[in-house]
Amino acid sequence: MITLKAPDYLRIEVTRNQHLLYTTWLRQTSSEELRAGVLRFLQVIREYDIRFWIIDAHQLRSPSVADQQWILKEVSPELAASGLRKLARIGSSDVFQYIAYENIADKTHSQFLAKASFAQFTSLQAAQDWINMMD
């Protein structure tokens, strides 16, 4: 696993031979930081041909409506066009975070015909187990 350069509010790790991206939000972020971080993730997905992605978002609060709309407009089409197969999000027990993420995932599938599977978890182990499951 290699650790890539990232802003102080992110950790980005790639396991090249497994095409796995593991990202951690280290603290709550502003809208600008959230968007910059997500754009960095997209860059890594393209550069390293990422197929599996685990996002640890325990530290994040629910994204604003504007950020959700931005993700759907700017990020979802790129994710749908990428080789991404599975995205596992580790979150808190915050129901608003859960609903926001489910809404984004559902719209990404319906609007952009995304082939990737999306799921949410409360632990790293559960997310890893799901990523490693054969489809």
Protein backbone atom coordinates (compact mmCIF):
# COMPACT_ATOMS: atom_id res chain seq x y z
CA MET A 1 0.00 0.00 0.00
CA ILE A 2 1.31 3.43 -0.90
CA THR A 3 0.24 6.71 0.69
CA LEU A 4 -0.31 9.54 -1.77
CA LYS A 5 0.10 13.25 -1.29
CA ALA A 6 -3.07 14.82 0.10
CA PRO A 7 -4.27 17.88 2.02
CA ASP A 8 -4.08 17.73 5.82
CA TYR A 9 -7.75 16.73 6.12
CA LEU A 10 -7.34 13.56 3.98
CA ARG A 11 -5.40 10.33 3.85
CA ILE A 12 -5.24 8.60 0.48
CA GLU A 13 -3.81 5.09 0.14
CA VAL A 14 -3.64 2.85 -2.90
CA THR A 15 -2.97 -0.87 -3.16
CA ARG A 16 -1.99 -1.05 -6.82
CA ASN A 17 -2.10 -4.81 -7.38
CA GLN A 18 -5.66 -4.92 -5.99
CA HIS A 19 -6.80 -1.69 -7.72
CA LEU A 20 -7.97 -0.58 -4.26
CA LEU A 21 -8.31 2.99 -3.04
CA TYR A 22 -8.71 3.66 0.68
CA THR A 23 -9.50 7.23 1.67
CA THR A 24 -10.03 8.74 5.09
CA TRP A 25 -11.52 12.11 5.90
CA LEU A 26 -9.52 13.14 8.98
CA ARG A 27 -11.82 15.95 10.12
CA GLN A 28 -14.93 17.87 9.18
CA THR A 29 -14.42 20.01 6.11
CA SER A 30 -15.71 23.14 4.49
CA SER A 31 -17.58 22.85 1.23
CA GLU A 32 -14.46 23.94 -0.66
CA GLU A 33 -12.32 21.30 1.08
CA LEU A 34 -14.92 18.59 0.45
CA ARG A 35 -15.01 19.40 -3.26
CA ALA A 36 -11.22 19.62 -3.56
CA GLY A 37 -10.89 16.27 -1.79
CA VAL A 38 -13.43 14.59 -4.03
CA LEU A 39 -11.71 15.95 -7.14
CA ARG A 40 -8.41 14.54 -5.84
CA PHE A 41 -10.11 11.16 -5.41
CA LEU A 42 -11.30 11.24 -9.02
CA GLN A 43 -7.77 12.00 -10.17
CA VAL A 44 -6.46 8.97 -8.23
CA ILE A 45 -9.23 6.73 -9.61
CA ARG A 46 -8.21 7.63 -13.17
CA GLU A 47 -4.46 7.51 -12.56
CA TYR A 48 -4.39 4.15 -10.76
CA ASP A 49 -7.30 2.41 -12.56
CA ILE A 50 -9.16 1.99 -9.28
CA ARG A 51 -11.87 -0.67 -9.20
CA PHE A 52 -12.55 -0.83 -5.46
CA TRP A 53 -12.87 2.13 -3.10
CA ILE A 54 -13.35 2.30 0.65
CA ILE A 55 -14.18 5.75 2.02
CA ASP A 56 -13.92 6.31 5.76
CA ALA A 57 -16.24 9.25 6.31
CA HIS A 58 -16.76 8.97 10.08
CA GLN A 59 -15.47 12.51 10.56
CA LEU A 60 -17.69 14.16 7.94
CA ARG A 61 -21.02 15.77 8.58
CA SER A 62 -23.85 15.38 6.09
CA PRO A 63 -23.07 17.26 2.85
CA SER A 64 -25.10 20.37 2.10
CA VAL A 65 -27.76 20.22 -0.59
CA ALA A 66 -25.48 22.31 -2.82
CA ASP A 67 -22.61 19.84 -2.31
CA GLN A 68 -24.91 16.89 -3.04
CA GLN A 69 -26.03 18.56 -6.27
CA TRP A 70 -22.41 19.29 -7.19
CA ILE A 71 -21.45 15.64 -6.59
CA LEU A 72 -24.30 14.47 -8.84
CA LYS A 73 -23.40 16.93 -11.58
CA GLU A 74 -19.59 16.80 -11.49
CA VAL A 75 -18.60 13.51 -9.83
CA SER A 76 -21.27 10.92 -10.58
CA PRO A 77 -20.77 10.95 -14.38
CA GLU A 78 -17.03 10.37 -13.93
CA LEU A 79 -17.58 7.55 -11.44
CA ALA A 80 -20.12 5.93 -13.75
CA ALA A 81 -17.67 6.12 -16.68
CA SER A 82 -14.74 4.78 -14.66
CA GLY A 83 -13.80 1.15 -14.07
CA LEU A 84 -15.03 1.37 -10.47
CA ARG A 85 -16.82 -1.82 -9.44
CA LYS A 86 -17.49 -1.30 -5.73
CA LEU A 87 -17.59 1.69 -3.42
CA ALA A 88 -17.91 1.09 0.32
CA ARG A 89 -18.58 4.06 2.55
CA ILE A 90 -17.91 3.86 6.28
CA GLY A 91 -20.00 6.41 8.11
CA SER A 92 -21.30 7.38 11.47
CA SER A 93 -24.74 6.50 12.76
CA ASP A 94 -26.00 9.92 11.57
CA VAL A 95 -29.21 9.19 9.68
CA PHE A 96 -28.91 12.37 7.59
CA GLN A 97 -25.48 11.29 6.31
CA TYR A 98 -26.88 7.86 5.48
CA ILE A 99 -29.86 9.28 3.60
CA ALA A 100 -27.74 11.83 1.70
CA TYR A 101 -25.33 9.13 0.55
CA GLU A 102 -28.15 6.74 -0.43
CA ASN A 103 -29.79 9.54 -2.42
CA ILE A 104 -26.54 10.25 -4.30
CA ALA A 105 -25.92 6.54 -4.96
CA ASP A 106 -29.48 5.95 -6.21
CA LYS A 107 -29.39 8.96 -8.54
CA THR A 108 -25.94 7.99 -9.82
CA HIS A 109 -27.30 4.58 -10.78
CA SER A 110 -30.50 5.85 -12.36
CA GLN A 111 -29.17 8.96 -14.14
CA PHE A 112 -25.78 7.67 -15.29
CA LEU A 113 -26.36 3.90 -15.44
CA ALA A 114 -23.44 3.32 -13.10
CA LYS A 115 -22.23 -0.26 -13.05
CA ALA A 116 -20.53 0.00 -9.66
CA SER A 117 -22.15 -1.28 -6.49
CA PHE A 118 -22.45 1.13 -3.58
CA ALA A 119 -22.89 0.17 0.08
CA GLN A 120 -22.62 1.77 3.52
CA PHE A 121 -21.06 0.33 6.64
CA THR A 122 -20.23 1.31 10.21
CA SER A 123 -16.92 -0.57 10.41
CA LEU A 124 -13.81 -1.00 8.30
CA GLN A 125 -13.96 -4.79 8.66
CA ALA A 126 -17.50 -4.97 7.26
CA ALA A 127 -16.52 -2.71 4.35
CA GLN A 128 -13.44 -4.81 3.58
CA ASP A 129 -15.42 -8.04 3.76
CA TRP A 130 -17.95 -6.65 1.27
CA ILE A 131 -15.24 -5.35 -1.08
CA ASN A 132 -13.58 -8.80 -1.04
CA MET A 133 -16.80 -10.73 -1.70
CA MET A 134 -16.98 -12.20 -5.17
CA ASP A 135 -20.00 -11.05 -7.17
